[in-house]
PDB file of N, CA and C in Angstrom:
ATOM      1  N   UNK A   1      12.861 -29.136  41.903  1.00  0.00           N
ATOM      2  CA  UNK A   1      13.959 -28.711  41.110  1.00  0.00           C
ATOM      3  C   UNK A   1      13.457 -28.356  39.710  1.00  0.00           C
ATOM      4  N   UNK A   2      13.833 -27.182  39.233  1.00  0.00           N
ATOM      5  CA  UNK A   2      13.411 -26.722  37.921  1.00  0.00           C
ATOM      6  C   UNK A   2      14.416 -27.140  36.873  1.00  0.00           C
ATOM      7  N   UNK A   3      13.912 -27.694  35.835  1.00  0.00           N
ATOM      8  CA  UNK A   3      14.742 -28.022  34.685  1.00  0.00           C
ATOM      9  C   UNK A   3      14.211 -27.254  33.489  1.00  0.00           C
ATOM     10  N   UNK A   4      14.844 -27.449  32.366  1.00  0.00           N
ATOM     11  CA  UNK A   4      14.402 -26.763  31.157  1.00  0.00           C
ATOM     12  C   UNK A   4      13.001 -27.210  30.771  1.00  0.00           C
ATOM     13  N   UNK A   5      12.667 -28.432  31.042  1.00  0.00           N
ATOM     14  CA  UNK A   5      11.374 -28.962  30.617  1.00  0.00           C
ATOM     15  C   UNK A   5      10.211 -28.441  31.446  1.00  0.00           C
ATOM     16  N   UNK A   6      10.417 -28.153  32.701  1.00  0.00           N
ATOM     17  CA  UNK A   6       9.287 -27.718  33.520  1.00  0.00           C
ATOM     18  C   UNK A   6       9.489 -26.360  34.166  1.00  0.00           C
ATOM     19  N   UNK A   7      10.490 -25.610  33.774  1.00  0.00           N
ATOM     20  CA  UNK A   7      10.738 -24.291  34.353  1.00  0.00           C
ATOM     21  C   UNK A   7       9.669 -23.317  33.874  1.00  0.00           C
ATOM     22  N   UNK A   8       9.122 -22.523  34.768  1.00  0.00           N
ATOM     23  CA  UNK A   8       8.112 -21.538  34.352  1.00  0.00           C
ATOM     24  C   UNK A   8       8.776 -20.403  33.567  1.00  0.00           C
ATOM     25  N   UNK A   9       8.122 -20.020  32.494  1.00  0.00           N
ATOM     26  CA  UNK A   9       8.636 -18.933  31.665  1.00  0.00           C
ATOM     27  C   UNK A   9       7.842 -17.690  32.012  1.00  0.00           C
ATOM     28  N   UNK A  10       8.518 -16.688  32.514  1.00  0.00           N
ATOM     29  CA  UNK A  10       7.854 -15.435  32.855  1.00  0.00           C
ATOM     30  C   UNK A  10       8.600 -14.303  32.171  1.00  0.00           C
ATOM     31  N   UNK A  11       8.134 -13.919  31.014  1.00  0.00           N
ATOM     32  CA  UNK A  11       8.742 -12.816  30.297  1.00  0.00           C
ATOM     33  C   UNK A  11       8.207 -11.486  30.780  1.00  0.00           C
ATOM     34  N   UNK A  12       6.944 -11.471  31.148  1.00  0.00           N
ATOM     35  CA  UNK A  12       6.340 -10.246  31.671  1.00  0.00           C
ATOM     36  C   UNK A  12       5.663 -10.565  32.986  1.00  0.00           C
ATOM     37  N   UNK A  13       5.240  -9.531  33.645  1.00  0.00           N
ATOM     38  CA  UNK A  13       4.541  -9.716  34.900  1.00  0.00           C
ATOM     39  C   UNK A  13       3.049  -9.916  34.695  1.00  0.00           C
ATOM     40  N   UNK A  14       2.570  -9.733  33.457  1.00  0.00           N
ATOM     41  CA  UNK A  14       1.150  -9.862  33.184  1.00  0.00           C
ATOM     42  C   UNK A  14       0.789 -11.311  32.912  1.00  0.00           C
ATOM     43  N   UNK A  15      -0.381 -11.679  33.366  1.00  0.00           N
ATOM     44  CA  UNK A  15      -0.875 -13.003  33.044  1.00  0.00           C
ATOM     45  C   UNK A  15      -1.598 -12.954  31.709  1.00  0.00           C
ATOM     46  N   UNK A  16      -2.003 -14.092  31.217  1.00  0.00           N
ATOM     47  CA  UNK A  16      -2.647 -14.161  29.914  1.00  0.00           C
ATOM     48  C   UNK A  16      -3.983 -13.429  29.909  1.00  0.00           C
ATOM     49  N   UNK A  17      -4.690 -13.441  31.024  1.00  0.00           N
ATOM     50  CA  UNK A  17      -5.985 -12.765  31.076  1.00  0.00           C
ATOM     51  C   UNK A  17      -5.827 -11.243  31.144  1.00  0.00           C
ATOM     52  N   UNK A  18      -4.668 -10.766  31.563  1.00  0.00           N
ATOM     53  CA  UNK A  18      -4.457  -9.332  31.661  1.00  0.00           C
ATOM     54  C   UNK A  18      -3.991  -8.715  30.349  1.00  0.00           C
ATOM     55  N   UNK A  19      -3.448  -9.510  29.442  1.00  0.00           N
ATOM     56  CA  UNK A  19      -2.987  -8.964  28.174  1.00  0.00           C
ATOM     57  C   UNK A  19      -4.180  -8.657  27.293  1.00  0.00           C
ATOM     58  N   UNK A  20      -4.038  -7.605  26.552  1.00  0.00           N
ATOM     59  CA  UNK A  20      -5.111  -7.137  25.692  1.00  0.00           C
ATOM     60  C   UNK A  20      -4.733  -7.402  24.239  1.00  0.00           C
ATOM     61  N   UNK A  21      -5.641  -7.952  23.506  1.00  0.00           N
ATOM     62  CA  UNK A  21      -5.396  -8.200  22.090  1.00  0.00           C
ATOM     63  C   UNK A  21      -5.900  -6.993  21.321  1.00  0.00           C
ATOM     64  N   UNK A  22      -5.010  -6.413  20.515  1.00  0.00           N
ATOM     65  CA  UNK A  22      -5.390  -5.256  19.718  1.00  0.00           C
ATOM     66  C   UNK A  22      -6.254  -5.706  18.554  1.00  0.00           C
ATOM     67  N   UNK A  23      -7.416  -5.131  18.450  1.00  0.00           N
ATOM     68  CA  UNK A  23      -8.307  -5.435  17.346  1.00  0.00           C
ATOM     69  C   UNK A  23      -8.529  -4.165  16.536  1.00  0.00           C
ATOM     70  N   UNK A  24      -8.701  -4.316  15.234  1.00  0.00           N
ATOM     71  CA  UNK A  24      -8.975  -3.117  14.432  1.00  0.00           C
ATOM     72  C   UNK A  24     -10.307  -2.493  14.824  1.00  0.00           C
ATOM     73  N   UNK A  25     -10.332  -1.183  14.827  1.00  0.00           N
ATOM     74  CA  UNK A  25     -11.528  -0.507  15.289  1.00  0.00           C
ATOM     75  C   UNK A  25     -12.305   0.176  14.172  1.00  0.00           C
ATOM     76  N   UNK A  26     -11.691   0.394  13.031  1.00  0.00           N
ATOM     77  CA  UNK A  26     -12.442   1.041  11.975  1.00  0.00           C
ATOM     78  C   UNK A  26     -12.700   0.068  10.830  1.00  0.00           C
ATOM     79  N   UNK A  27     -13.600   0.424   9.970  1.00  0.00           N
ATOM     80  CA  UNK A  27     -14.030  -0.473   8.901  1.00  0.00           C
ATOM     81  C   UNK A  27     -12.932  -0.719   7.871  1.00  0.00           C
ATOM     82  N   UNK A  28     -12.105   0.290   7.635  1.00  0.00           N
ATOM     83  CA  UNK A  28     -11.033   0.124   6.664  1.00  0.00           C
ATOM     84  C   UNK A  28     -10.025  -0.928   7.124  1.00  0.00           C
ATOM     85  N   UNK A  29      -9.658  -0.900   8.393  1.00  0.00           N
ATOM     86  CA  UNK A  29      -8.722  -1.899   8.910  1.00  0.00           C
ATOM     87  C   UNK A  29      -9.320  -3.298   8.867  1.00  0.00           C
ATOM     88  N   UNK A  30     -10.600  -3.401   9.171  1.00  0.00           N
ATOM     89  CA  UNK A  30     -11.265  -4.702   9.107  1.00  0.00           C
ATOM     90  C   UNK A  30     -11.289  -5.211   7.673  1.00  0.00           C
ATOM     91  N   UNK A  31     -11.617  -4.328   6.725  1.00  0.00           N
ATOM     92  CA  UNK A  31     -11.651  -4.727   5.315  1.00  0.00           C
ATOM     93  C   UNK A  31     -10.272  -5.159   4.834  1.00  0.00           C
ATOM     94  N   UNK A  32      -9.247  -4.390   5.185  1.00  0.00           N
ATOM     95  CA  UNK A  32      -7.901  -4.732   4.732  1.00  0.00           C
ATOM     96  C   UNK A  32      -7.387  -6.011   5.373  1.00  0.00           C
ATOM     97  N   UNK A  33      -7.765  -6.267   6.613  1.00  0.00           N
ATOM     98  CA  UNK A  33      -7.371  -7.523   7.245  1.00  0.00           C
ATOM     99  C   UNK A  33      -8.037  -8.716   6.568  1.00  0.00           C
ATOM    100  N   UNK A  34      -9.260  -8.525   6.089  1.00  0.00           N
ATOM    101  CA  UNK A  34      -9.945  -9.600   5.376  1.00  0.00           C
ATOM    102  C   UNK A  34      -9.349  -9.822   3.989  1.00  0.00           C
ATOM    103  N   UNK A  35      -8.761  -8.785   3.399  1.00  0.00           N
ATOM    104  CA  UNK A  35      -8.192  -8.878   2.059  1.00  0.00           C
ATOM    105  C   UNK A  35      -6.746  -9.352   2.057  1.00  0.00           C
ATOM    106  N   UNK A  36      -6.199  -9.682   3.202  1.00  0.00           N
ATOM    107  CA  UNK A  36      -4.786 -10.067   3.284  1.00  0.00           C
ATOM    108  C   UNK A  36      -4.475 -11.304   2.460  1.00  0.00           C
ATOM    109  N   UNK A  37      -5.435 -12.187   2.288  1.00  0.00           N
ATOM    110  CA  UNK A  37      -5.168 -13.388   1.493  1.00  0.00           C
ATOM    111  C   UNK A  37      -5.177 -13.094  -0.005  1.00  0.00           C
ATOM    112  N   UNK A  38      -5.645 -11.917  -0.406  1.00  0.00           N
ATOM    113  CA  UNK A  38      -5.690 -11.528  -1.810  1.00  0.00           C
ATOM    114  C   UNK A  38      -4.632 -10.477  -2.150  1.00  0.00           C
ATOM    115  N   UNK A  39      -3.525 -10.490  -1.461  1.00  0.00           N
ATOM    116  CA  UNK A  39      -2.507  -9.459  -1.649  1.00  0.00           C
ATOM    117  C   UNK A  39      -1.917  -9.511  -3.061  1.00  0.00           C
ATOM    118  N   UNK A  40      -1.788 -10.686  -3.639  1.00  0.00           N
ATOM    119  CA  UNK A  40      -1.269 -10.791  -5.004  1.00  0.00           C
ATOM    120  C   UNK A  40      -2.241 -10.204  -6.008  1.00  0.00           C
ATOM    121  N   UNK A  41      -3.528 -10.421  -5.785  1.00  0.00           N
ATOM    122  CA  UNK A  41      -4.544  -9.850  -6.669  1.00  0.00           C
ATOM    123  C   UNK A  41      -4.512  -8.322  -6.604  1.00  0.00           C
ATOM    124  N   UNK A  42      -4.363  -7.762  -5.413  1.00  0.00           N
ATOM    125  CA  UNK A  42      -4.289  -6.311  -5.274  1.00  0.00           C
ATOM    126  C   UNK A  42      -3.053  -5.759  -5.980  1.00  0.00           C
ATOM    127  N   UNK A  43      -1.952  -6.486  -5.890  1.00  0.00           N
ATOM    128  CA  UNK A  43      -0.725  -6.055  -6.566  1.00  0.00           C
ATOM    129  C   UNK A  43      -0.913  -6.077  -8.077  1.00  0.00           C
ATOM    130  N   UNK A  44      -1.496  -7.132  -8.596  1.00  0.00           N
ATOM    131  CA  UNK A  44      -1.703  -7.223 -10.041  1.00  0.00           C
ATOM    132  C   UNK A  44      -2.684  -6.169 -10.543  1.00  0.00           C
ATOM    133  N   UNK A  45      -3.743  -5.931  -9.809  1.00  0.00           N
ATOM    134  CA  UNK A  45      -4.701  -4.884 -10.198  1.00  0.00           C
ATOM    135  C   UNK A  45      -4.018  -3.521 -10.184  1.00  0.00           C
ATOM    136  N   UNK A  46      -3.203  -3.285  -9.202  1.00  0.00           N
ATOM    137  CA  UNK A  46      -2.468  -2.025  -9.119  1.00  0.00           C
ATOM    138  C   UNK A  46      -1.558  -1.833 -10.322  1.00  0.00           C
ATOM    139  N   UNK A  47      -0.832  -2.870 -10.695  1.00  0.00           N
ATOM    140  CA  UNK A  47       0.077  -2.773 -11.837  1.00  0.00           C
ATOM    141  C   UNK A  47      -0.682  -2.590 -13.150  1.00  0.00           C
ATOM    142  N   UNK A  48      -1.795  -3.292 -13.311  1.00  0.00           N
ATOM    143  CA  UNK A  48      -2.574  -3.186 -14.549  1.00  0.00           C
ATOM    144  C   UNK A  48      -3.198  -1.805 -14.680  1.00  0.00           C
ATOM    145  N   UNK A  49      -3.796  -1.315 -13.617  1.00  0.00           N
ATOM    146  CA  UNK A  49      -4.449   0.002 -13.666  1.00  0.00           C
ATOM    147  C   UNK A  49      -3.428   1.098 -13.914  1.00  0.00           C
ATOM    148  N   UNK A  50      -2.297   1.022 -13.239  1.00  0.00           N
ATOM    149  CA  UNK A  50      -1.283   2.056 -13.452  1.00  0.00           C
ATOM    150  C   UNK A  50      -0.660   1.963 -14.832  1.00  0.00           C
ATOM    151  N   UNK A  51      -0.443   0.752 -15.308  1.00  0.00           N
ATOM    152  CA  UNK A  51       0.158   0.590 -16.623  1.00  0.00           C
ATOM    153  C   UNK A  51      -0.750   1.048 -17.750  1.00  0.00           C
ATOM    154  N   UNK A  52      -2.039   0.863 -17.592  1.00  0.00           N
ATOM    155  CA  UNK A  52      -2.972   1.230 -18.663  1.00  0.00           C
ATOM    156  C   UNK A  52      -3.390   2.693 -18.581  1.00  0.00           C
ATOM    157  N   UNK A  53      -3.695   3.170 -17.395  1.00  0.00           N
ATOM    158  CA  UNK A  53      -4.260   4.506 -17.261  1.00  0.00           C
ATOM    159  C   UNK A  53      -3.261   5.593 -16.885  1.00  0.00           C
ATOM    160  N   UNK A  54      -2.297   5.279 -16.013  1.00  0.00           N
ATOM    161  CA  UNK A  54      -1.490   6.346 -15.445  1.00  0.00           C
ATOM    162  C   UNK A  54      -0.115   6.504 -16.073  1.00  0.00           C
ATOM    163  N   UNK A  55       0.475   5.473 -16.627  1.00  0.00           N
ATOM    164  CA  UNK A  55       1.778   5.648 -17.273  1.00  0.00           C
ATOM    165  C   UNK A  55       1.692   6.465 -18.557  1.00  0.00           C
ATOM    166  N   UNK A  56       0.626   6.382 -19.365  1.00  0.00           N
ATOM    167  CA  UNK A  56       0.522   7.262 -20.531  1.00  0.00           C
ATOM    168  C   UNK A  56       0.096   8.690 -20.189  1.00  0.00           C
ATOM    169  N   UNK A  57      -0.340   8.925 -18.979  1.00  0.00           N
ATOM    170  CA  UNK A  57      -0.857  10.236 -18.583  1.00  0.00           C
ATOM    171  C   UNK A  57       0.170  11.360 -18.727  1.00  0.00           C
ATOM    172  N   UNK A  58       1.431  11.195 -18.314  1.00  0.00           N
ATOM    173  CA  UNK A  58       2.385  12.296 -18.500  1.00  0.00           C
ATOM    174  C   UNK A  58       2.605  12.657 -19.963  1.00  0.00           C
ATOM    175  N   UNK A  59       2.623  11.669 -20.835  1.00  0.00           N
ATOM    176  CA  UNK A  59       2.787  11.973 -22.262  1.00  0.00           C
ATOM    177  C   UNK A  59       1.616  12.798 -22.770  1.00  0.00           C
ATOM    178  N   UNK A  60       0.423  12.438 -22.354  1.00  0.00           N
ATOM    179  CA  UNK A  60      -0.763  13.202 -22.744  1.00  0.00           C
ATOM    180  C   UNK A  60      -0.699  14.621 -22.211  1.00  0.00           C
ATOM    181  N   UNK A  61      -0.329  14.760 -20.951  1.00  0.00           N
ATOM    182  CA  UNK A  61      -0.286  16.092 -20.344  1.00  0.00           C
ATOM    183  C   UNK A  61       0.847  16.941 -20.908  1.00  0.00           C
ATOM    184  N   UNK A  62       1.992  16.329 -21.158  1.00  0.00           N
ATOM    185  CA  UNK A  62       3.140  17.098 -21.645  1.00  0.00           C
ATOM    186  C   UNK A  62       2.931  17.549 -23.085  1.00  0.00           C
ATOM    187  N   UNK A  63       2.489  16.654 -23.946  1.00  0.00           N
ATOM    188  CA  UNK A  63       2.401  16.986 -25.361  1.00  0.00           C
ATOM    189  C   UNK A  63       1.099  17.665 -25.755  1.00  0.00           C
ATOM    190  N   UNK A  64       0.038  17.475 -24.989  1.00  0.00           N
ATOM    191  CA  UNK A  64      -1.237  18.078 -25.357  1.00  0.00           C
ATOM    192  C   UNK A  64      -1.528  19.354 -24.571  1.00  0.00           C
ATOM    193  N   UNK A  65      -1.246  19.326 -23.274  1.00  0.00           N
ATOM    194  CA  UNK A  65      -1.615  20.454 -22.421  1.00  0.00           C
ATOM    195  C   UNK A  65      -0.413  21.266 -21.955  1.00  0.00           C
ATOM    196  N   UNK A  66       0.750  21.060 -22.545  1.00  0.00           N
ATOM    197  CA  UNK A  66       1.978  21.802 -22.235  1.00  0.00           C
ATOM    198  C   UNK A  66       2.343  21.771 -20.754  1.00  0.00           C
ATOM    199  N   UNK A  67       2.212  20.627 -20.143  1.00  0.00           N
ATOM    200  CA  UNK A  67       2.613  20.464 -18.748  1.00  0.00           C
ATOM    201  C   UNK A  67       4.136  20.336 -18.688  1.00  0.00           C
ATOM    202  N   UNK A  68       4.733  20.700 -17.565  1.00  0.00           N
ATOM    203  CA  UNK A  68       6.188  20.558 -17.454  1.00  0.00           C
ATOM    204  C   UNK A  68       6.588  19.082 -17.417  1.00  0.00           C
ATOM    205  N   UNK A  69       7.790  18.808 -17.849  1.00  0.00           N
ATOM    206  CA  UNK A  69       8.247  17.424 -17.979  1.00  0.00           C
ATOM    207  C   UNK A  69       8.507  16.751 -16.635  1.00  0.00           C
ATOM    208  N   UNK A  70       8.657  17.513 -15.565  1.00  0.00           N
ATOM    209  CA  UNK A  70       8.950  16.901 -14.275  1.00  0.00           C
ATOM    210  C   UNK A  70       7.760  16.155 -13.676  1.00  0.00           C
ATOM    211  N   UNK A  71       6.574  16.259 -14.257  1.00  0.00           N
ATOM    212  CA  UNK A  71       5.445  15.473 -13.732  1.00  0.00           C
ATOM    213  C   UNK A  71       5.642  13.990 -13.985  1.00  0.00           C
ATOM    214  N   UNK A  72       6.535  13.670 -14.908  1.00  0.00           N
ATOM    215  CA  UNK A  72       6.868  12.266 -15.166  1.00  0.00           C
ATOM    216  C   UNK A  72       7.477  11.611 -13.934  1.00  0.00           C
ATOM    217  N   UNK A  73       8.176  12.393 -13.123  1.00  0.00           N
ATOM    218  CA  UNK A  73       8.803  11.878 -11.905  1.00  0.00           C
ATOM    219  C   UNK A  73       7.749  11.345 -10.944  1.00  0.00           C
ATOM    220  N   UNK A  74       6.633  12.041 -10.806  1.00  0.00           N
ATOM    221  CA  UNK A  74       5.580  11.606  -9.886  1.00  0.00           C
ATOM    222  C   UNK A  74       4.971  10.281 -10.335  1.00  0.00           C
ATOM    223  N   UNK A  75       4.632  10.205 -11.604  1.00  0.00           N
ATOM    224  CA  UNK A  75       3.979   9.006 -12.110  1.00  0.00           C
ATOM    225  C   UNK A  75       4.910   7.803 -12.063  1.00  0.00           C
ATOM    226  N   UNK A  76       6.128   7.961 -12.545  1.00  0.00           N
ATOM    227  CA  UNK A  76       7.065   6.842 -12.527  1.00  0.00           C
ATOM    228  C   UNK A  76       7.502   6.477 -11.112  1.00  0.00           C
ATOM    229  N   UNK A  77       7.636   7.482 -10.257  1.00  0.00           N
ATOM    230  CA  UNK A  77       7.995   7.202  -8.867  1.00  0.00           C
ATOM    231  C   UNK A  77       6.949   6.370  -8.156  1.00  0.00           C
ATOM    232  N   UNK A  78       5.687   6.724  -8.340  1.00  0.00           N
ATOM    233  CA  UNK A  78       4.623   5.949  -7.710  1.00  0.00           C
ATOM    234  C   UNK A  78       4.481   4.559  -8.333  1.00  0.00           C
ATOM    235  N   UNK A  79       4.691   4.467  -9.638  1.00  0.00           N
ATOM    236  CA  UNK A  79       4.624   3.163 -10.288  1.00  0.00           C
ATOM    237  C   UNK A  79       5.707   2.234  -9.752  1.00  0.00           C
ATOM    238  N   UNK A  80       6.940   2.730  -9.675  1.00  0.00           N
ATOM    239  CA  UNK A  80       8.021   1.881  -9.179  1.00  0.00           C
ATOM    240  C   UNK A  80       7.915   1.624  -7.680  1.00  0.00           C
ATOM    241  N   UNK A  81       7.334   2.548  -6.935  1.00  0.00           N
ATOM    242  CA  UNK A  81       7.100   2.290  -5.509  1.00  0.00           C
ATOM    243  C   UNK A  81       6.107   1.144  -5.340  1.00  0.00           C
ATOM    244  N   UNK A  82       5.053   1.139  -6.148  1.00  0.00           N
ATOM    245  CA  UNK A  82       4.096   0.025  -6.104  1.00  0.00           C
ATOM    246  C   UNK A  82       4.748  -1.279  -6.543  1.00  0.00           C
ATOM    247  N   UNK A  83       5.564  -1.213  -7.558  1.00  0.00           N
ATOM    248  CA  UNK A  83       6.240  -2.413  -8.054  1.00  0.00           C
ATOM    249  C   UNK A  83       7.165  -3.004  -6.997  1.00  0.00           C
ATOM    250  N   UNK A  84       7.949  -2.158  -6.371  1.00  0.00           N
ATOM    251  CA  UNK A  84       8.884  -2.639  -5.347  1.00  0.00           C
ATOM    252  C   UNK A  84       8.135  -3.148  -4.126  1.00  0.00           C
ATOM    253  N   UNK A  85       7.075  -2.451  -3.722  1.00  0.00           N
ATOM    254  CA  UNK A  85       6.306  -2.890  -2.554  1.00  0.00           C
ATOM    255  C   UNK A  85       5.642  -4.233  -2.816  1.00  0.00           C
ATOM    256  N   UNK A  86       5.113  -4.429  -4.006  1.00  0.00           N
ATOM    257  CA  UNK A  86       4.457  -5.694  -4.313  1.00  0.00           C
ATOM    258  C   UNK A  86       5.425  -6.845  -4.459  1.00  0.00           C
ATOM    259  N   UNK A  87       6.589  -6.589  -5.040  1.00  0.00           N
ATOM    260  CA  UNK A  87       7.552  -7.663  -5.250  1.00  0.00           C
ATOM    261  C   UNK A  87       8.346  -7.995  -3.995  1.00  0.00           C
ATOM    262  N   UNK A  88       8.355  -7.103  -3.031  1.00  0.00           N
ATOM    263  CA  UNK A  88       9.085  -7.382  -1.795  1.00  0.00           C
ATOM    264  C   UNK A  88       8.165  -7.909  -0.701  1.00  0.00           C
ATOM    265  N   UNK A  89       7.010  -8.374  -1.090  1.00  0.00           N
ATOM    266  CA  UNK A  89       6.007  -8.970  -0.190  1.00  0.00           C
ATOM    267  C   UNK A  89       5.659  -8.058   0.981  1.00  0.00           C
ATOM    268  N   UNK A  90       5.359  -6.817   0.666  1.00  0.00           N
ATOM    269  CA  UNK A  90       4.866  -5.903   1.691  1.00  0.00           C
ATOM    270  C   UNK A  90       3.465  -6.321   2.108  1.00  0.00           C
ATOM    271  N   UNK A  91       2.988  -5.747   3.154  1.00  0.00           N
ATOM    272  CA  UNK A  91       1.667  -6.097   3.643  1.00  0.00           C
ATOM    273  C   UNK A  91       0.566  -5.526   2.762  1.00  0.00           C
ATOM    274  N   UNK A  92      -0.628  -5.992   3.011  1.00  0.00           N
ATOM    275  CA  UNK A  92      -1.781  -5.566   2.222  1.00  0.00           C
ATOM    276  C   UNK A  92      -2.054  -4.080   2.411  1.00  0.00           C
ATOM    277  N   UNK A  93      -1.838  -3.578   3.603  1.00  0.00           N
ATOM    278  CA  UNK A  93      -2.099  -2.161   3.849  1.00  0.00           C
ATOM    279  C   UNK A  93      -1.146  -1.278   3.062  1.00  0.00           C
ATOM    280  N   UNK A  94       0.112  -1.663   2.979  1.00  0.00           N
ATOM    281  CA  UNK A  94       1.084  -0.887   2.211  1.00  0.00           C
ATOM    282  C   UNK A  94       0.722  -0.862   0.743  1.00  0.00           C
ATOM    283  N   UNK A  95       0.365  -2.002   0.199  1.00  0.00           N
ATOM    284  CA  UNK A  95       0.045  -2.078  -1.228  1.00  0.00           C
ATOM    285  C   UNK A  95      -1.210  -1.285  -1.551  1.00  0.00           C
ATOM    286  N   UNK A  96      -2.234  -1.413  -0.734  1.00  0.00           N
ATOM    287  CA  UNK A  96      -3.486  -0.694  -1.000  1.00  0.00           C
ATOM    288  C   UNK A  96      -3.300   0.806  -0.798  1.00  0.00           C
ATOM    289  N   UNK A  97      -2.586   1.207   0.240  1.00  0.00           N
ATOM    290  CA  UNK A  97      -2.367   2.637   0.463  1.00  0.00           C
ATOM    291  C   UNK A  97      -1.536   3.260  -0.659  1.00  0.00           C
ATOM    292  N   UNK A  98      -0.525   2.554  -1.150  1.00  0.00           N
ATOM    293  CA  UNK A  98       0.248   3.071  -2.281  1.00  0.00           C
ATOM    294  C   UNK A  98      -0.596   3.152  -3.544  1.00  0.00           C
ATOM    295  N   UNK A  99      -1.450   2.175  -3.742  1.00  0.00           N
ATOM    296  CA  UNK A  99      -2.332   2.176  -4.909  1.00  0.00           C
ATOM    297  C   UNK A  99      -3.292   3.362  -4.855  1.00  0.00           C
ATOM    298  N   UNK A 100      -3.885   3.590  -3.703  1.00  0.00           N
ATOM    299  CA  UNK A 100      -4.806   4.719  -3.551  1.00  0.00           C
ATOM    300  C   UNK A 100      -4.061   6.047  -3.677  1.00  0.00           C
ATOM    301  N   UNK A 101      -2.863   6.121  -3.110  1.00  0.00           N
ATOM    302  CA  UNK A 101      -2.067   7.349  -3.228  1.00  0.00           C
ATOM    303  C   UNK A 101      -1.717   7.632  -4.679  1.00  0.00           C
ATOM    304  N   UNK A 102      -1.377   6.606  -5.435  1.00  0.00           N
ATOM    305  CA  UNK A 102      -1.040   6.828  -6.839  1.00  0.00           C
ATOM    306  C   UNK A 102      -2.259   7.260  -7.638  1.00  0.00           C
ATOM    307  N   UNK A 103      -3.419   6.713  -7.320  1.00  0.00           N
ATOM    308  CA  UNK A 103      -4.646   7.157  -7.994  1.00  0.00           C
ATOM    309  C   UNK A 103      -4.915   8.623  -7.696  1.00  0.00           C
ATOM    310  N   UNK A 104      -4.814   9.001  -6.434  1.00  0.00           N
ATOM    311  CA  UNK A 104      -5.105  10.385  -6.055  1.00  0.00           C
ATOM    312  C   UNK A 104      -4.094  11.366  -6.654  1.00  0.00           C
ATOM    313  N   UNK A 105      -2.820  11.023  -6.631  1.00  0.00           N
ATOM    314  CA  UNK A 105      -1.809  11.924  -7.177  1.00  0.00           C
ATOM    315  C   UNK A 105      -1.988  12.098  -8.678  1.00  0.00           C
ATOM    316  N   UNK A 106      -2.236  11.010  -9.381  1.00  0.00           N
ATOM    317  CA  UNK A 106      -2.408  11.112 -10.832  1.00  0.00           C
ATOM    318  C   UNK A 106      -3.689  11.838 -11.208  1.00  0.00           C
ATOM    319  N   UNK A 107      -4.740  11.659 -10.440  1.00  0.00           N
ATOM    320  CA  UNK A 107      -5.966  12.425 -10.698  1.00  0.00           C
ATOM    321  C   UNK A 107      -5.767  13.910 -10.408  1.00  0.00           C
ATOM    322  N   UNK A 108      -4.995  14.213  -9.377  1.00  0.00           N
ATOM    323  CA  UNK A 108      -4.697  15.619  -9.094  1.00  0.00           C
ATOM    324  C   UNK A 108      -3.860  16.238 -10.213  1.00  0.00           C
ATOM    325  N   UNK A 109      -2.887  15.501 -10.729  1.00  0.00           N
ATOM    326  CA  UNK A 109      -2.114  16.000 -11.870  1.00  0.00           C
ATOM    327  C   UNK A 109      -3.021  16.264 -13.071  1.00  0.00           C
ATOM    328  N   UNK A 110      -3.932  15.355 -13.306  1.00  0.00           N
ATOM    329  CA  UNK A 110      -4.862  15.527 -14.426  1.00  0.00           C
ATOM    330  C   UNK A 110      -5.731  16.752 -14.226  1.00  0.00           C
ATOM    331  N   UNK A 111      -6.235  16.937 -13.022  1.00  0.00           N
ATOM    332  CA  UNK A 111      -7.085  18.111 -12.753  1.00  0.00           C
ATOM    333  C   UNK A 111      -6.313  19.423 -12.817  1.00  0.00           C
ATOM    334  N   UNK A 112      -5.071  19.397 -12.353  1.00  0.00           N
ATOM    335  CA  UNK A 112      -4.283  20.638 -12.348  1.00  0.00           C
ATOM    336  C   UNK A 112      -4.006  21.130 -13.759  1.00  0.00           C
ATOM    337  N   UNK A 113      -3.619  20.210 -14.633  1.00  0.00           N
ATOM    338  CA  UNK A 113      -3.176  20.644 -15.956  1.00  0.00           C
ATOM    339  C   UNK A 113      -4.271  20.665 -17.010  1.00  0.00           C
ATOM    340  N   UNK A 114      -5.392  20.011 -16.771  1.00  0.00           N
ATOM    341  CA  UNK A 114      -6.467  20.031 -17.749  1.00  0.00           C
ATOM    342  C   UNK A 114      -7.442  21.160 -17.462  1.00  0.00           C
ATOM    343  N   UNK A 115      -7.732  21.385 -16.206  1.00  0.00           N
ATOM    344  CA  UNK A 115      -8.707  22.424 -15.855  1.00  0.00           C
ATOM    345  C   UNK A 115      -8.015  23.757 -15.639  1.00  0.00           C
TER     346      UNK A 115
END
């Protein structure tokens, strides 16, 4: 007689040996999985770098190189996206990818309007 204590649980037809554990296959995924315990450090570095280097960038581009004022939307949008992602306890991959995206976008803005 099966009771709750000894009833077999079969959610799938696969046994434990048949299930496959997904492992990261590229170096970036392995690195980011190792950095998961430092997610707060990545968030703080992201905020410091953006606050020091990238938030003053639109003012420099607008007033010195006559860039249009709408470039402020890109910089502030990425800054607040990083802020919200970090404060809402997003994963390490989200925080690092947003940080890298903000670096690339701001560098592209700098290259477009300076060169």
